[in-house]
N, C-alpha and C. Protein backbone atom coordinates (compact mmCIF):
# COMPACT_ATOMS: atom_id res chain seq x y z
N MET A 1 24.50 -139.53 21.78
CA MET A 1 24.78 -140.30 22.98
C MET A 1 23.53 -140.98 23.51
N LYS A 2 22.37 -140.28 23.41
CA LYS A 2 21.14 -140.88 23.87
C LYS A 2 20.81 -142.14 23.08
N LYS A 3 21.09 -142.10 21.76
CA LYS A 3 20.84 -143.26 20.92
C LYS A 3 21.75 -144.43 21.31
N ILE A 4 22.99 -144.13 21.68
CA ILE A 4 23.92 -145.18 22.08
C ILE A 4 23.47 -145.84 23.36
N ILE A 5 23.08 -145.02 24.37
CA ILE A 5 22.63 -145.56 25.65
C ILE A 5 21.38 -146.40 25.45
N LEU A 6 20.45 -145.92 24.62
CA LEU A 6 19.23 -146.67 24.34
C LEU A 6 19.56 -147.99 23.66
N GLY A 7 20.51 -147.96 22.74
CA GLY A 7 20.90 -149.18 22.06
C GLY A 7 21.51 -150.21 23.00
N LEU A 8 22.35 -149.76 23.95
CA LEU A 8 22.95 -150.67 24.91
C LEU A 8 21.90 -151.26 25.83
N ALA A 9 20.94 -150.44 26.25
CA ALA A 9 19.86 -150.94 27.11
C ALA A 9 19.04 -151.99 26.37
N MET A 10 18.78 -151.75 25.09
CA MET A 10 18.03 -152.72 24.30
C MET A 10 18.81 -154.01 24.13
N LEU A 11 20.14 -153.92 24.06
CA LEU A 11 20.98 -155.11 23.94
C LEU A 11 20.87 -155.98 25.18
N VAL A 12 20.87 -155.34 26.36
CA VAL A 12 20.71 -156.10 27.61
C VAL A 12 19.36 -156.78 27.66
N LEU A 13 18.30 -156.03 27.36
CA LEU A 13 16.95 -156.59 27.41
C LEU A 13 16.77 -157.70 26.38
N ALA A 14 17.32 -157.50 25.20
CA ALA A 14 17.21 -158.52 24.17
C ALA A 14 17.95 -159.78 24.55
N GLY A 15 19.15 -159.61 25.15
CA GLY A 15 19.92 -160.77 25.57
C GLY A 15 19.20 -161.56 26.65
N ASN A 16 18.60 -160.85 27.61
CA ASN A 16 17.87 -161.52 28.68
C ASN A 16 16.66 -162.27 28.13
N SER A 17 15.90 -161.61 27.25
CA SER A 17 14.72 -162.23 26.67
C SER A 17 15.10 -163.41 25.78
N TYR A 18 16.14 -163.21 24.97
CA TYR A 18 16.57 -164.27 24.06
C TYR A 18 17.09 -165.47 24.83
N GLY A 19 17.84 -165.20 25.92
CA GLY A 19 18.37 -166.29 26.72
C GLY A 19 17.27 -167.13 27.32
N GLN A 20 16.22 -166.49 27.80
CA GLN A 20 15.11 -167.23 28.39
C GLN A 20 14.38 -168.06 27.33
N GLN A 21 14.22 -167.49 26.14
CA GLN A 21 13.54 -168.22 25.08
C GLN A 21 14.36 -169.41 24.61
N MET A 22 15.69 -169.30 24.68
CA MET A 22 16.56 -170.36 24.18
C MET A 22 16.88 -171.41 25.23
N GLU A 23 16.32 -171.33 26.40
CA GLU A 23 16.63 -172.29 27.46
C GLU A 23 15.89 -173.60 27.18
N THR A 24 16.48 -174.43 26.36
CA THR A 24 15.93 -175.73 26.03
C THR A 24 17.02 -176.76 26.17
N LEU A 25 16.64 -178.03 26.22
CA LEU A 25 17.60 -179.11 26.31
C LEU A 25 17.51 -179.95 25.04
N ALA A 26 18.61 -180.03 24.31
CA ALA A 26 18.66 -180.85 23.11
C ALA A 26 19.34 -182.16 23.45
N THR A 27 18.89 -183.24 22.87
CA THR A 27 19.44 -184.56 23.16
C THR A 27 20.07 -185.14 21.92
N PRO A 28 21.41 -185.12 21.81
CA PRO A 28 22.09 -185.70 20.65
C PRO A 28 21.94 -187.22 20.64
N LYS A 29 22.51 -187.84 19.60
CA LYS A 29 22.40 -189.28 19.45
C LYS A 29 23.02 -190.05 20.60
N ASN A 30 24.06 -189.50 21.22
CA ASN A 30 24.72 -190.21 22.31
C ASN A 30 23.97 -190.09 23.62
N GLY A 31 22.84 -189.37 23.62
CA GLY A 31 22.02 -189.29 24.82
C GLY A 31 22.39 -188.18 25.76
N SER A 32 23.53 -187.49 25.56
CA SER A 32 23.92 -186.40 26.44
C SER A 32 23.06 -185.18 26.17
N LYS A 33 22.91 -184.35 27.17
CA LYS A 33 22.06 -183.17 27.05
C LYS A 33 22.90 -181.91 26.91
N ILE A 34 22.45 -181.02 26.05
CA ILE A 34 23.12 -179.75 25.83
C ILE A 34 22.22 -178.64 26.33
N ARG A 35 22.70 -177.84 27.26
CA ARG A 35 21.93 -176.71 27.75
C ARG A 35 22.16 -175.52 26.83
N VAL A 36 21.10 -174.95 26.33
CA VAL A 36 21.19 -173.83 25.40
C VAL A 36 20.64 -172.58 26.06
N GLY A 37 21.48 -171.56 26.16
CA GLY A 37 21.07 -170.27 26.70
C GLY A 37 21.50 -169.16 25.78
N GLY A 38 21.58 -167.97 26.29
CA GLY A 38 22.03 -166.85 25.49
C GLY A 38 22.06 -165.58 26.31
N TYR A 39 22.80 -164.59 25.85
CA TYR A 39 22.89 -163.33 26.59
C TYR A 39 23.27 -162.19 25.67
N GLY A 40 23.05 -160.97 26.15
CA GLY A 40 23.55 -159.75 25.54
C GLY A 40 24.55 -159.11 26.47
N ALA A 41 25.56 -158.46 25.92
CA ALA A 41 26.65 -157.93 26.74
C ALA A 41 27.10 -156.56 26.24
N PRO A 42 26.46 -155.46 26.68
CA PRO A 42 26.97 -154.13 26.35
C PRO A 42 28.33 -153.92 26.98
N THR A 43 29.22 -153.26 26.24
CA THR A 43 30.62 -153.14 26.66
C THR A 43 31.15 -151.75 26.34
N ILE A 44 31.99 -151.25 27.22
CA ILE A 44 32.70 -149.99 26.97
C ILE A 44 34.20 -150.28 26.99
N LYS A 45 34.91 -149.76 26.00
CA LYS A 45 36.35 -149.99 25.87
C LYS A 45 37.12 -148.68 25.99
N PHE A 46 38.31 -148.78 26.58
CA PHE A 46 39.23 -147.64 26.70
C PHE A 46 40.52 -148.04 25.99
N THR A 47 40.91 -147.26 24.99
CA THR A 47 41.96 -147.71 24.10
C THR A 47 42.66 -146.54 23.43
N PRO A 48 43.91 -146.69 23.00
CA PRO A 48 44.53 -145.63 22.19
C PRO A 48 44.01 -145.69 20.76
N PHE A 49 43.91 -144.51 20.13
CA PHE A 49 43.49 -144.41 18.74
C PHE A 49 44.19 -143.20 18.15
N ALA A 50 45.05 -143.43 17.18
CA ALA A 50 45.85 -142.35 16.56
C ALA A 50 46.60 -141.55 17.63
N ASP A 51 47.18 -142.27 18.58
CA ASP A 51 47.96 -141.68 19.68
C ASP A 51 47.12 -140.81 20.62
N LYS A 52 45.82 -140.99 20.62
CA LYS A 52 44.93 -140.26 21.52
C LYS A 52 44.13 -141.26 22.36
N PHE A 53 43.59 -140.78 23.48
CA PHE A 53 42.73 -141.62 24.32
C PHE A 53 41.36 -141.74 23.66
N ALA A 54 40.88 -142.96 23.49
CA ALA A 54 39.61 -143.19 22.81
C ALA A 54 38.67 -144.03 23.67
N ILE A 55 37.38 -143.78 23.49
CA ILE A 55 36.33 -144.56 24.13
C ILE A 55 35.50 -145.20 23.03
N MET A 56 35.33 -146.50 23.12
CA MET A 56 34.49 -147.22 22.17
C MET A 56 33.37 -147.91 22.93
N MET A 57 32.18 -147.90 22.33
CA MET A 57 31.03 -148.54 22.94
C MET A 57 30.41 -149.51 21.96
N GLY A 58 29.84 -150.58 22.50
CA GLY A 58 29.20 -151.60 21.67
C GLY A 58 28.89 -152.80 22.52
N GLY A 59 29.15 -153.98 22.01
CA GLY A 59 28.90 -155.18 22.77
C GLY A 59 28.72 -156.37 21.86
N ASN A 60 28.29 -157.48 22.46
CA ASN A 60 28.03 -158.68 21.68
C ASN A 60 26.84 -159.43 22.26
N ALA A 61 26.30 -160.34 21.49
CA ALA A 61 25.17 -161.16 21.90
C ALA A 61 25.23 -162.47 21.15
N GLY A 62 24.71 -163.53 21.77
CA GLY A 62 24.74 -164.81 21.08
C GLY A 62 24.15 -165.94 21.90
N VAL A 63 24.31 -167.12 21.38
CA VAL A 63 23.83 -168.35 22.01
C VAL A 63 24.96 -168.92 22.86
N MET A 64 24.60 -169.42 24.07
CA MET A 64 25.59 -170.03 24.96
C MET A 64 25.26 -171.50 25.15
N LEU A 65 26.23 -172.37 24.92
CA LEU A 65 26.04 -173.81 25.00
C LEU A 65 26.72 -174.37 26.24
N ASN A 66 25.95 -175.10 27.04
CA ASN A 66 26.48 -175.75 28.25
C ASN A 66 27.18 -174.80 29.20
N SER A 67 26.75 -173.55 29.22
CA SER A 67 27.31 -172.51 30.10
C SER A 67 28.81 -172.31 29.86
N LYS A 68 29.27 -172.67 28.66
CA LYS A 68 30.70 -172.57 28.36
C LYS A 68 30.99 -171.84 27.05
N ILE A 69 30.36 -172.28 25.97
CA ILE A 69 30.70 -171.79 24.64
C ILE A 69 29.64 -170.80 24.17
N MET A 70 30.07 -169.59 23.81
CA MET A 70 29.16 -168.60 23.24
C MET A 70 29.53 -168.37 21.78
N LEU A 71 28.52 -168.39 20.91
CA LEU A 71 28.68 -168.11 19.50
C LEU A 71 27.70 -167.01 19.13
N GLY A 72 28.20 -165.92 18.58
CA GLY A 72 27.31 -164.81 18.28
C GLY A 72 27.97 -163.76 17.42
N ALA A 73 27.59 -162.51 17.63
CA ALA A 73 28.11 -161.39 16.86
C ALA A 73 28.30 -160.19 17.77
N GLY A 74 29.18 -159.30 17.36
CA GLY A 74 29.44 -158.11 18.16
C GLY A 74 29.88 -156.95 17.29
N GLY A 75 29.94 -155.78 17.89
CA GLY A 75 30.39 -154.61 17.17
C GLY A 75 30.69 -153.46 18.11
N TYR A 76 31.57 -152.55 17.68
CA TYR A 76 32.01 -151.42 18.50
C TYR A 76 32.21 -150.21 17.62
N ALA A 77 32.10 -149.01 18.23
CA ALA A 77 32.29 -147.77 17.49
C ALA A 77 32.94 -146.73 18.38
N LEU A 78 33.73 -145.88 17.78
CA LEU A 78 34.37 -144.76 18.48
C LEU A 78 33.30 -143.72 18.85
N VAL A 79 33.29 -143.27 20.11
CA VAL A 79 32.22 -142.35 20.54
C VAL A 79 32.73 -140.99 21.00
N ASN A 80 34.01 -140.84 21.30
CA ASN A 80 34.49 -139.52 21.71
C ASN A 80 35.13 -138.79 20.52
N ASP A 81 35.26 -137.49 20.64
CA ASP A 81 35.78 -136.67 19.54
C ASP A 81 37.31 -136.72 19.51
N ILE A 82 37.84 -137.18 18.38
CA ILE A 82 39.29 -137.17 18.14
C ILE A 82 39.52 -136.47 16.81
N GLU A 83 40.24 -135.37 16.85
CA GLU A 83 40.43 -134.56 15.64
C GLU A 83 41.34 -135.25 14.64
N ALA A 84 40.96 -135.14 13.37
CA ALA A 84 41.81 -135.61 12.28
C ALA A 84 42.81 -134.51 11.93
N PRO A 85 44.00 -134.86 11.47
CA PRO A 85 45.00 -133.84 11.13
C PRO A 85 44.53 -132.98 9.95
N ARG A 86 44.88 -131.71 9.98
CA ARG A 86 44.52 -130.78 8.91
C ARG A 86 45.64 -130.72 7.88
N VAL A 87 45.25 -130.63 6.61
CA VAL A 87 46.23 -130.44 5.54
C VAL A 87 46.66 -128.98 5.50
N ASN A 88 45.69 -128.07 5.64
CA ASN A 88 45.95 -126.64 5.68
C ASN A 88 45.35 -126.05 6.95
N SER A 89 45.98 -125.01 7.47
CA SER A 89 45.50 -124.41 8.72
C SER A 89 44.11 -123.82 8.58
N SER A 90 43.70 -123.52 7.36
CA SER A 90 42.37 -122.94 7.13
C SER A 90 41.27 -123.99 6.97
N ASP A 91 41.65 -125.25 6.95
CA ASP A 91 40.67 -126.32 6.79
C ASP A 91 39.76 -126.39 8.01
N PRO A 92 38.50 -126.81 7.83
CA PRO A 92 37.59 -126.96 8.97
C PRO A 92 38.04 -128.11 9.87
N THR A 93 37.61 -128.08 11.11
CA THR A 93 37.95 -129.15 12.05
C THR A 93 37.15 -130.40 11.70
N LEU A 94 37.86 -131.49 11.45
CA LEU A 94 37.24 -132.77 11.16
C LEU A 94 37.58 -133.76 12.26
N TYR A 95 36.72 -134.75 12.44
CA TYR A 95 36.90 -135.74 13.49
C TYR A 95 36.87 -137.14 12.89
N TRP A 96 37.56 -138.05 13.57
CA TRP A 96 37.59 -139.43 13.13
C TRP A 96 36.32 -140.15 13.58
N ASN A 97 35.89 -141.06 12.73
CA ASN A 97 34.86 -142.02 13.10
C ASN A 97 35.35 -143.40 12.69
N MET A 98 35.21 -144.37 13.56
CA MET A 98 35.65 -145.73 13.26
C MET A 98 34.70 -146.73 13.91
N TRP A 99 34.38 -147.80 13.20
CA TRP A 99 33.53 -148.85 13.73
C TRP A 99 33.99 -150.20 13.17
N TYR A 100 33.64 -151.27 13.85
CA TYR A 100 33.91 -152.60 13.33
C TYR A 100 32.93 -153.60 13.95
N THR A 101 32.68 -154.68 13.24
CA THR A 101 31.72 -155.68 13.68
C THR A 101 32.16 -157.04 13.14
N GLY A 102 31.59 -158.11 13.69
CA GLY A 102 31.96 -159.42 13.20
C GLY A 102 31.44 -160.56 14.06
N PHE A 103 31.87 -161.76 13.71
CA PHE A 103 31.53 -162.98 14.44
C PHE A 103 32.32 -163.04 15.74
N VAL A 104 31.67 -163.47 16.82
CA VAL A 104 32.31 -163.57 18.13
C VAL A 104 32.17 -165.00 18.66
N ALA A 105 33.25 -165.55 19.17
CA ALA A 105 33.23 -166.83 19.87
C ALA A 105 33.94 -166.65 21.21
N GLU A 106 33.38 -167.26 22.25
CA GLU A 106 33.95 -167.11 23.59
C GLU A 106 33.81 -168.41 24.37
N TYR A 107 34.83 -168.72 25.17
CA TYR A 107 34.79 -169.89 26.06
C TYR A 107 34.95 -169.43 27.50
N THR A 108 34.00 -169.82 28.37
CA THR A 108 34.02 -169.43 29.77
C THR A 108 34.40 -170.63 30.64
N PHE A 109 35.36 -170.43 31.52
CA PHE A 109 35.82 -171.47 32.44
C PHE A 109 35.09 -171.34 33.78
N ASN A 110 34.57 -172.44 34.29
CA ASN A 110 33.91 -172.48 35.60
C ASN A 110 32.83 -171.40 35.72
N SER A 111 31.93 -171.40 34.77
CA SER A 111 30.90 -170.36 34.70
C SER A 111 30.03 -170.31 35.94
N ASN A 112 29.88 -171.44 36.64
CA ASN A 112 29.02 -171.49 37.83
C ASN A 112 29.70 -170.94 39.08
N LYS A 113 30.99 -170.68 39.03
CA LYS A 113 31.70 -170.14 40.17
C LYS A 113 31.42 -168.64 40.31
N LEU A 114 31.53 -168.14 41.55
CA LEU A 114 31.28 -166.72 41.79
C LEU A 114 32.20 -165.85 40.94
N ILE A 115 33.47 -166.18 40.93
CA ILE A 115 34.46 -165.46 40.11
C ILE A 115 35.04 -166.45 39.11
N HIS A 116 35.04 -166.10 37.86
CA HIS A 116 35.53 -167.00 36.82
C HIS A 116 36.13 -166.17 35.69
N TRP A 117 36.63 -166.84 34.67
CA TRP A 117 37.26 -166.12 33.58
C TRP A 117 36.96 -166.80 32.25
N GLY A 118 37.22 -166.08 31.17
CA GLY A 118 36.98 -166.61 29.85
C GLY A 118 37.85 -165.94 28.81
N VAL A 119 37.92 -166.57 27.64
CA VAL A 119 38.69 -166.03 26.53
C VAL A 119 37.82 -166.08 25.27
N GLY A 120 38.10 -165.19 24.34
CA GLY A 120 37.32 -165.18 23.12
C GLY A 120 37.95 -164.30 22.07
N GLY A 121 37.20 -164.05 21.03
CA GLY A 121 37.72 -163.21 19.96
C GLY A 121 36.63 -162.79 18.99
N LEU A 122 36.86 -161.68 18.33
CA LEU A 122 35.99 -161.17 17.26
C LEU A 122 36.79 -161.16 15.98
N ILE A 123 36.15 -161.56 14.89
CA ILE A 123 36.78 -161.48 13.58
C ILE A 123 35.75 -160.94 12.59
N GLY A 124 36.12 -159.91 11.85
CA GLY A 124 35.16 -159.29 10.94
C GLY A 124 35.79 -158.13 10.20
N GLY A 125 35.08 -157.02 10.15
CA GLY A 125 35.58 -155.86 9.43
C GLY A 125 34.87 -154.60 9.87
N GLY A 126 35.31 -153.48 9.30
CA GLY A 126 34.71 -152.21 9.69
C GLY A 126 35.11 -151.11 8.72
N GLY A 127 34.99 -149.88 9.21
CA GLY A 127 35.32 -148.75 8.37
C GLY A 127 35.84 -147.57 9.17
N VAL A 128 36.60 -146.70 8.52
CA VAL A 128 37.13 -145.50 9.15
C VAL A 128 36.90 -144.33 8.20
N MET A 129 36.58 -143.18 8.76
CA MET A 129 36.29 -141.99 7.95
C MET A 129 36.50 -140.76 8.81
N LYS A 130 36.43 -139.60 8.19
CA LYS A 130 36.53 -138.36 8.95
C LYS A 130 35.47 -137.39 8.44
N GLY A 131 35.08 -136.47 9.32
CA GLY A 131 34.05 -135.53 8.92
C GLY A 131 33.64 -134.62 10.06
N VAL A 132 32.58 -133.86 9.82
CA VAL A 132 32.03 -132.94 10.79
C VAL A 132 31.04 -133.70 11.66
N ARG A 133 31.16 -133.56 12.98
CA ARG A 133 30.25 -134.24 13.88
C ARG A 133 28.83 -133.74 13.75
N TRP A 134 27.89 -134.59 14.13
CA TRP A 134 26.47 -134.25 14.06
C TRP A 134 26.15 -133.04 14.92
N LYS A 135 25.33 -132.14 14.36
CA LYS A 135 24.88 -130.97 15.09
C LYS A 135 23.38 -130.81 14.90
N GLU A 136 22.76 -130.06 15.81
CA GLU A 136 21.32 -129.89 15.78
C GLU A 136 20.85 -129.15 14.53
N ASP A 137 21.72 -128.33 13.93
CA ASP A 137 21.28 -127.48 12.82
C ASP A 137 21.44 -128.12 11.45
N HIS A 138 21.85 -129.40 11.39
CA HIS A 138 21.83 -130.08 10.11
C HIS A 138 21.46 -131.54 10.31
N GLU A 139 21.24 -132.25 9.23
CA GLU A 139 20.60 -133.55 9.31
C GLU A 139 21.48 -134.63 9.93
N GLY A 140 22.77 -134.56 9.78
CA GLY A 140 23.61 -135.62 10.32
C GLY A 140 25.07 -135.39 10.03
N ASP A 141 25.88 -136.41 10.32
CA ASP A 141 27.31 -136.33 10.09
C ASP A 141 27.62 -136.28 8.59
N ASN A 142 28.64 -135.51 8.23
CA ASN A 142 29.12 -135.45 6.84
C ASN A 142 30.49 -136.12 6.79
N TRP A 143 30.51 -137.39 6.41
CA TRP A 143 31.76 -138.14 6.45
C TRP A 143 32.41 -138.20 5.08
N ILE A 144 33.74 -138.13 5.06
CA ILE A 144 34.51 -138.20 3.82
C ILE A 144 35.66 -139.19 4.00
N ASP A 145 36.32 -139.52 2.89
CA ASP A 145 37.49 -140.40 2.91
C ASP A 145 37.19 -141.73 3.59
N ASN A 146 36.08 -142.35 3.24
CA ASN A 146 35.73 -143.64 3.80
C ASN A 146 36.64 -144.73 3.27
N SER A 147 36.99 -145.68 4.12
CA SER A 147 37.65 -146.90 3.66
C SER A 147 37.31 -148.04 4.61
N CYS A 148 37.33 -149.24 4.09
CA CYS A 148 37.01 -150.43 4.88
C CYS A 148 38.29 -151.14 5.31
N PHE A 149 38.17 -152.02 6.30
CA PHE A 149 39.33 -152.76 6.78
C PHE A 149 38.91 -154.10 7.37
N PHE A 150 39.87 -154.99 7.52
CA PHE A 150 39.71 -156.25 8.25
C PHE A 150 40.03 -156.01 9.71
N ALA A 151 39.24 -156.63 10.62
CA ALA A 151 39.46 -156.46 12.06
C ALA A 151 39.45 -157.82 12.75
N ALA A 152 40.37 -157.99 13.69
CA ALA A 152 40.40 -159.17 14.55
C ALA A 152 40.78 -158.70 15.95
N GLU A 153 40.10 -159.25 16.96
CA GLU A 153 40.34 -158.79 18.33
C GLU A 153 40.18 -159.93 19.34
N PRO A 154 41.29 -160.59 19.73
CA PRO A 154 41.22 -161.56 20.82
C PRO A 154 41.12 -160.84 22.16
N TYR A 155 40.47 -161.49 23.14
CA TYR A 155 40.29 -160.85 24.44
C TYR A 155 40.19 -161.89 25.56
N ALA A 156 40.33 -161.40 26.79
CA ALA A 156 40.16 -162.22 27.99
C ALA A 156 39.34 -161.43 29.01
N ASN A 157 38.49 -162.14 29.75
CA ASN A 157 37.62 -161.51 30.75
C ASN A 157 37.80 -162.14 32.12
N LEU A 158 37.66 -161.34 33.16
CA LEU A 158 37.50 -161.81 34.53
C LEU A 158 36.12 -161.35 34.98
N GLU A 159 35.26 -162.30 35.40
CA GLU A 159 33.86 -161.99 35.65
C GLU A 159 33.43 -162.39 37.06
N ILE A 160 32.37 -161.75 37.53
CA ILE A 160 31.76 -162.09 38.81
C ILE A 160 30.26 -162.21 38.61
N ASN A 161 29.67 -163.26 39.13
CA ASN A 161 28.23 -163.47 39.05
C ASN A 161 27.56 -162.63 40.14
N ILE A 162 26.71 -161.69 39.73
CA ILE A 162 26.00 -160.87 40.71
C ILE A 162 24.54 -161.28 40.83
N ALA A 163 24.06 -162.12 39.91
CA ALA A 163 22.71 -162.69 39.96
C ALA A 163 22.71 -163.89 39.01
N THR A 164 21.67 -164.71 39.09
CA THR A 164 21.61 -165.87 38.21
C THR A 164 21.53 -165.47 36.74
N PHE A 165 21.05 -164.25 36.47
CA PHE A 165 20.87 -163.80 35.09
C PHE A 165 21.82 -162.67 34.71
N MET A 166 22.75 -162.31 35.60
CA MET A 166 23.60 -161.16 35.30
C MET A 166 25.00 -161.35 35.88
N ARG A 167 25.98 -160.90 35.12
CA ARG A 167 27.37 -160.91 35.59
C ARG A 167 28.10 -159.69 35.05
N VAL A 168 29.10 -159.24 35.79
CA VAL A 168 29.90 -158.08 35.43
C VAL A 168 31.33 -158.54 35.21
N GLY A 169 31.99 -158.00 34.20
CA GLY A 169 33.35 -158.41 33.91
C GLY A 169 34.25 -157.24 33.53
N ILE A 170 35.53 -157.45 33.75
CA ILE A 170 36.56 -156.56 33.26
C ILE A 170 37.52 -157.39 32.43
N GLY A 171 38.20 -156.75 31.50
CA GLY A 171 39.09 -157.54 30.68
C GLY A 171 40.00 -156.69 29.82
N ALA A 172 40.72 -157.38 28.95
CA ALA A 172 41.67 -156.73 28.07
C ALA A 172 41.62 -157.40 26.70
N SER A 173 41.96 -156.64 25.68
CA SER A 173 41.96 -157.17 24.32
C SER A 173 43.05 -156.49 23.51
N TYR A 174 43.27 -157.01 22.32
CA TYR A 174 44.17 -156.34 21.38
C TYR A 174 43.49 -156.31 20.02
N ARG A 175 43.38 -155.13 19.44
CA ARG A 175 42.67 -154.92 18.18
C ARG A 175 43.67 -154.89 17.02
N PHE A 176 43.50 -155.80 16.05
CA PHE A 176 44.32 -155.83 14.86
C PHE A 176 43.51 -155.28 13.68
N ILE A 177 44.01 -154.25 13.03
CA ILE A 177 43.35 -153.64 11.89
C ILE A 177 44.26 -153.74 10.67
N SER A 178 43.67 -154.11 9.52
CA SER A 178 44.47 -154.26 8.30
C SER A 178 43.63 -153.90 7.08
N GLY A 179 44.23 -153.17 6.13
CA GLY A 179 43.60 -152.94 4.84
C GLY A 179 42.96 -151.59 4.64
N SER A 180 43.04 -150.67 5.60
CA SER A 180 42.44 -149.35 5.42
C SER A 180 43.32 -148.48 4.51
N ASN A 181 42.70 -147.48 3.88
CA ASN A 181 43.48 -146.55 3.04
C ASN A 181 42.97 -145.11 3.15
N THR A 182 42.38 -144.76 4.28
CA THR A 182 41.93 -143.39 4.50
C THR A 182 43.14 -142.49 4.76
N PRO A 183 43.25 -141.36 4.05
CA PRO A 183 44.39 -140.46 4.26
C PRO A 183 44.43 -139.93 5.69
N GLY A 184 45.64 -139.85 6.25
CA GLY A 184 45.81 -139.28 7.58
C GLY A 184 45.81 -140.26 8.71
N ILE A 185 45.55 -141.56 8.42
CA ILE A 185 45.54 -142.56 9.48
C ILE A 185 45.99 -143.89 8.90
N THR A 186 46.70 -144.68 9.69
CA THR A 186 47.21 -145.96 9.23
C THR A 186 46.58 -147.09 10.02
N ASP A 187 46.81 -148.32 9.56
CA ASP A 187 46.32 -149.49 10.30
C ASP A 187 46.88 -149.53 11.72
N SER A 188 48.16 -149.20 11.86
CA SER A 188 48.78 -149.23 13.19
C SER A 188 48.20 -148.16 14.10
N ASP A 189 47.74 -147.03 13.53
CA ASP A 189 47.09 -145.99 14.35
C ASP A 189 45.80 -146.50 14.98
N MET A 190 45.12 -147.41 14.28
CA MET A 190 43.84 -147.93 14.76
C MET A 190 43.98 -149.23 15.53
N SER A 191 45.12 -149.88 15.42
CA SER A 191 45.37 -151.11 16.17
C SER A 191 45.87 -150.77 17.56
N GLY A 192 45.69 -151.68 18.51
CA GLY A 192 46.24 -151.46 19.83
C GLY A 192 45.48 -152.17 20.93
N PRO A 193 46.00 -152.11 22.15
CA PRO A 193 45.36 -152.77 23.29
C PRO A 193 44.15 -151.99 23.77
N ALA A 194 43.30 -152.66 24.51
CA ALA A 194 42.12 -152.01 25.09
C ALA A 194 41.79 -152.67 26.42
N ALA A 195 41.30 -151.87 27.35
CA ALA A 195 40.72 -152.38 28.59
C ALA A 195 39.21 -152.18 28.50
N HIS A 196 38.44 -153.12 29.02
CA HIS A 196 37.00 -152.99 28.87
C HIS A 196 36.24 -153.40 30.13
N ILE A 197 35.02 -152.88 30.22
CA ILE A 197 34.06 -153.24 31.27
C ILE A 197 32.82 -153.73 30.55
N THR A 198 32.27 -154.87 30.97
CA THR A 198 31.13 -155.45 30.30
C THR A 198 30.08 -155.91 31.29
N LEU A 199 28.84 -155.86 30.88
CA LEU A 199 27.70 -156.33 31.67
C LEU A 199 26.97 -157.36 30.85
N LYS A 200 26.88 -158.59 31.36
CA LYS A 200 26.19 -159.66 30.64
C LYS A 200 24.84 -159.94 31.31
N ALA A 201 23.80 -160.03 30.49
CA ALA A 201 22.47 -160.33 31.01
C ALA A 201 21.81 -161.36 30.11
N GLY A 202 21.28 -162.41 30.71
CA GLY A 202 20.63 -163.44 29.93
C GLY A 202 20.50 -164.73 30.72
N ARG A 203 20.54 -165.85 30.00
CA ARG A 203 20.44 -167.18 30.59
C ARG A 203 21.77 -167.89 30.37
N PHE A 204 22.50 -168.14 31.45
CA PHE A 204 23.84 -168.72 31.34
C PHE A 204 23.83 -170.23 31.59
């Protein structure tokens, strides 16, 4: 958990630094100016997973054009313990692990307004596996039954500007998963709606 929190903090700082570095004006042939910024956005999601309550953490970061269009990348991972079904009662307790990442595009409406909204989506892939969670007495997680999948997740946000370099948003998404073949879980078990809270920091 400490590594996750540190990673999210680094995402915010990187987005803020990157946004400031990217604040330039490009002049196309038609003479119009394009404002180039960027931001990082750590996000926490609340969603069903295999008929259980799941928490996913991650976020996205990218370049923002004219305070409207963001192009970048994002990723999320399951962070709470959800037990995988046992084949035999004597089997050890195993837990699910799932992650996905991909290209992200987002369009923000009326970005300069105090309260505004946007829509976007992630398209990419990820993996699902089960195993023993990390413990202090061994080197790391022991994952088995790995399989990869295709992931797509459209979403919508409602945001409020709390500073020139920071905004907070809430939103909803739907996660589509296809192509996994890990025993004990199906694509539909991993697909589903999600509610999320996000913090954006950078140059808008």
